[in-house]
Amino acid sequence: ATRSGLAPPALRGACQFANASVAIAALDTLRDRIPVSMQAIREGLSRVELPGRFQVLPGVPAVIVDVAHNPHAAEMLARNLADQGFYPNTRAVFGMLADKDLAGVCGALKGRIDEWHVASLSGPRAASAPHLAHVVRSSGAGGTVTEHASPLAAYSVARELSNENDRIVVFGSFLTVAEILGARQRH
């Protein structure tokens, strides 16, 4: 069925149009058992939230949080960053678990990050900042690399270095994103 008059999904990124199309097609298939009105679909598209997935936080500089922790998700993050337009500097706050494909994630973001602020996470599965720094450098991702004891420490430095035209991308793990979102909520 053709759907007209639908606003774009509230979630950012070109892939969200495909996701919305799949959801609407599923609703069409199930309409005999689960009727959903066009108004409900419109409302759903306009109000949908997915915290931690290319979530743009209010304020300046632009701060984007994304739980991308595998190469596929990092490729989508790279595309979404490219679609955002020009920023003089993009600073990454990056912390990951050691059992993930660190090099694959870094390689997917090749050329998209000007400064990497790598952070040690806590816990037995965490990758240390020195290890992350080594992986970023050896992956050919580009940009300068600075090590920090925690995502919050890395974020604080990235904020200090950024002006209103720059952007900060916090990614690599649910733990990395949660630490920054938690700190922002407390302030």
Protein backbone atom coordinates (compact mmCIF):
# COMPACT_ATOMS: atom_id res chain seq x y z
CA ALA A 1 0.00 0.00 0.00
CA THR A 2 1.14 3.54 -0.70
CA ARG A 3 1.51 5.78 2.32
CA SER A 4 1.44 9.51 1.74
CA GLY A 5 1.68 12.37 4.15
CA LEU A 6 4.10 10.65 6.51
CA ALA A 7 6.84 12.74 8.07
CA PRO A 8 10.36 11.33 8.19
CA PRO A 9 11.19 9.22 11.24
CA ALA A 10 12.41 11.13 14.28
CA LEU A 11 15.51 8.92 14.40
CA ARG A 12 18.48 10.32 12.50
CA GLY A 13 20.32 8.61 9.69
CA ALA A 14 19.39 7.50 6.20
CA CYS A 15 18.95 3.88 7.34
CA GLN A 16 15.96 4.94 9.43
CA PHE A 17 13.84 5.35 6.27
CA ALA A 18 14.44 1.70 5.43
CA ASN A 19 13.71 0.70 9.04
CA ALA A 20 10.45 2.69 9.00
CA SER A 21 9.46 1.07 5.69
CA VAL A 22 9.99 -2.40 7.14
CA ALA A 23 7.95 -1.54 10.23
CA ILE A 24 5.08 -0.18 8.12
CA ALA A 25 5.19 -3.25 5.84
CA ALA A 26 5.00 -5.50 8.91
CA LEU A 27 2.00 -3.53 10.19
CA ASP A 28 0.33 -3.87 6.78
CA THR A 29 0.88 -7.63 6.86
CA LEU A 30 -0.64 -7.88 10.35
CA ARG A 31 -3.45 -5.34 9.88
CA ASP A 32 -6.21 -7.99 10.09
CA ARG A 33 -5.00 -9.08 13.54
CA ILE A 34 -3.45 -5.82 14.78
CA PRO A 35 -5.11 -2.79 13.19
CA VAL A 36 -3.01 0.37 13.47
CA SER A 37 -4.37 3.68 12.24
CA MET A 38 -2.44 6.06 10.00
CA GLN A 39 -2.53 8.59 12.83
CA ALA A 40 -0.85 6.08 15.15
CA ILE A 41 1.82 5.42 12.51
CA ARG A 42 2.39 9.17 12.06
CA GLU A 43 2.67 9.61 15.81
CA GLY A 44 5.01 6.65 16.16
CA LEU A 45 7.35 7.93 13.46
CA SER A 46 7.45 11.42 14.94
CA ARG A 47 8.01 10.31 18.55
CA VAL A 48 10.23 7.25 18.21
CA GLU A 49 13.37 7.27 20.34
CA LEU A 50 16.30 4.89 20.49
CA PRO A 51 18.63 6.14 23.21
CA GLY A 52 22.27 5.59 22.42
CA ARG A 53 21.89 5.03 18.67
CA PHE A 54 23.14 8.11 16.87
CA GLN A 55 21.49 10.14 19.59
CA VAL A 56 22.26 13.84 19.17
CA LEU A 57 22.27 15.54 22.55
CA PRO A 58 21.03 19.12 22.92
CA GLY A 59 23.51 21.98 23.10
CA VAL A 60 26.83 22.97 21.56
CA PRO A 61 29.21 21.64 20.60
CA ALA A 62 27.26 18.87 18.91
CA VAL A 63 27.50 15.69 20.97
CA ILE A 64 26.49 12.38 19.43
CA VAL A 65 26.33 9.16 21.42
CA ASP A 66 26.23 5.80 19.71
CA VAL A 67 26.65 2.37 21.25
CA ALA A 68 28.34 1.13 18.04
CA HIS A 69 30.62 -1.71 19.13
CA ASN A 70 31.04 -3.81 15.98
CA PRO A 71 32.24 -3.02 12.43
CA HIS A 72 28.74 -3.00 10.92
CA ALA A 73 27.43 -0.49 13.48
CA ALA A 74 30.62 1.58 13.10
CA GLU A 75 30.10 1.71 9.31
CA MET A 76 26.60 3.04 9.89
CA LEU A 77 27.98 5.57 12.37
CA ALA A 78 30.55 6.68 9.77
CA ARG A 79 27.81 7.15 7.14
CA ASN A 80 25.66 9.11 9.56
CA LEU A 81 28.60 11.34 10.48
CA ALA A 82 29.30 11.97 6.79
CA ASP A 83 25.65 12.89 6.19
CA GLN A 84 25.72 15.50 8.96
CA GLY A 85 27.70 18.04 7.00
CA PHE A 86 30.90 19.89 7.85
CA TYR A 87 32.40 20.24 11.32
CA PRO A 88 35.89 21.74 11.70
CA ASN A 89 36.84 19.07 14.25
CA THR A 90 35.36 15.73 15.20
CA ARG A 91 36.58 14.36 18.50
CA ALA A 92 35.85 10.79 19.50
CA VAL A 93 35.43 9.60 23.05
CA PHE A 94 36.09 5.92 22.51
CA GLY A 95 36.02 3.02 24.95
CA MET A 96 35.39 -0.65 24.09
CA LEU A 97 35.47 -4.12 25.53
CA ALA A 98 38.57 -6.13 24.60
CA ASP A 99 36.62 -9.09 23.20
CA LYS A 100 35.13 -6.99 20.38
CA ASP A 101 36.58 -6.37 16.90
CA LEU A 102 38.50 -3.25 17.87
CA ALA A 103 40.45 -2.92 14.61
CA GLY A 104 37.28 -3.45 12.55
CA VAL A 105 35.46 -0.68 14.41
CA CYS A 106 38.38 1.74 14.08
CA GLY A 107 38.86 0.91 10.40
CA ALA A 108 35.18 1.57 9.67
CA LEU A 109 35.67 5.14 10.92
CA LYS A 110 38.80 5.81 8.85
CA GLY A 111 39.02 9.50 8.02
CA ARG A 112 35.94 10.48 10.06
CA ILE A 113 37.67 11.29 13.37
CA ASP A 114 40.22 14.10 13.83
CA GLU A 115 41.06 13.34 17.46
CA TRP A 116 40.62 10.07 19.31
CA HIS A 117 40.24 10.35 23.08
CA VAL A 118 40.50 6.71 24.04
CA ALA A 119 39.38 5.62 27.48
CA SER A 120 39.86 2.63 29.70
CA LEU A 121 36.64 1.00 30.80
CA SER A 122 36.27 -0.79 34.10
CA GLY A 123 35.78 -4.51 34.45
CA PRO A 124 37.60 -7.67 33.41
CA ARG A 125 36.50 -7.49 29.75
CA ALA A 126 37.56 -3.87 29.28
CA ALA A 127 40.18 -2.74 26.79
CA SER A 128 42.75 -0.41 28.34
CA ALA A 129 43.40 3.04 26.91
CA PRO A 130 46.98 2.08 25.89
CA HIS A 131 45.67 -0.96 24.03
CA LEU A 132 42.94 1.09 22.32
CA ALA A 133 45.49 3.74 21.35
CA HIS A 134 47.67 1.07 19.75
CA VAL A 135 44.69 -0.36 17.82
CA VAL A 136 43.55 3.06 16.59
CA ARG A 137 47.05 3.91 15.35
CA SER A 138 47.66 0.54 13.71
CA SER A 139 44.21 0.46 12.05
CA GLY A 140 45.01 3.46 9.86
CA ALA A 141 41.92 5.28 11.13
CA GLY A 142 43.81 8.58 11.17
CA GLY A 143 43.70 11.42 13.64
CA THR A 144 45.63 12.07 16.79
CA VAL A 145 45.23 9.74 19.79
CA THR A 146 45.19 10.66 23.47
CA GLU A 147 44.75 8.19 26.34
CA HIS A 148 42.46 8.75 29.33
CA ALA A 149 41.64 6.82 32.50
CA SER A 150 37.87 6.84 31.88
CA PRO A 151 35.24 7.90 29.36
CA LEU A 152 34.28 10.81 31.61
CA ALA A 153 37.89 12.05 31.72
CA ALA A 154 38.12 11.73 27.93
CA TYR A 155 34.81 13.56 27.49
CA SER A 156 35.90 16.40 29.79
CA VAL A 157 39.04 16.98 27.73
CA ALA A 158 37.14 16.73 24.43
CA ARG A 159 34.65 19.35 25.71
CA GLU A 160 37.46 21.69 26.79
CA LEU A 161 39.08 21.45 23.36
CA SER A 162 35.87 21.93 21.38
CA ASN A 163 34.21 25.12 20.29
CA GLU A 164 30.57 25.53 19.30
CA ASN A 165 31.22 24.47 15.69
CA ASP A 166 32.91 21.16 16.53
CA ARG A 167 31.36 17.82 17.37
CA ILE A 168 32.09 15.07 19.86
CA VAL A 169 31.19 11.46 19.12
CA VAL A 170 30.95 9.15 22.12
CA PHE A 171 30.94 5.48 21.08
CA GLY A 172 32.33 1.97 21.36
CA SER A 173 30.29 0.43 24.14
CA PHE A 174 27.08 0.69 26.11
CA LEU A 175 29.36 1.35 29.10
CA THR A 176 31.03 4.32 27.39
CA VAL A 177 27.74 5.90 26.38
CA ALA A 178 26.07 5.23 29.74
CA GLU A 179 28.88 6.95 31.64
CA ILE A 180 28.57 10.12 29.58
CA LEU A 181 24.76 10.18 29.57
CA GLY A 182 24.74 9.63 33.33
CA ALA A 183 27.18 12.48 33.92
CA ARG A 184 25.19 14.84 31.72
CA GLN A 185 21.98 14.01 33.56
CA ARG A 186 23.59 14.78 36.91
CA HIS A 187 24.59 18.28 35.77
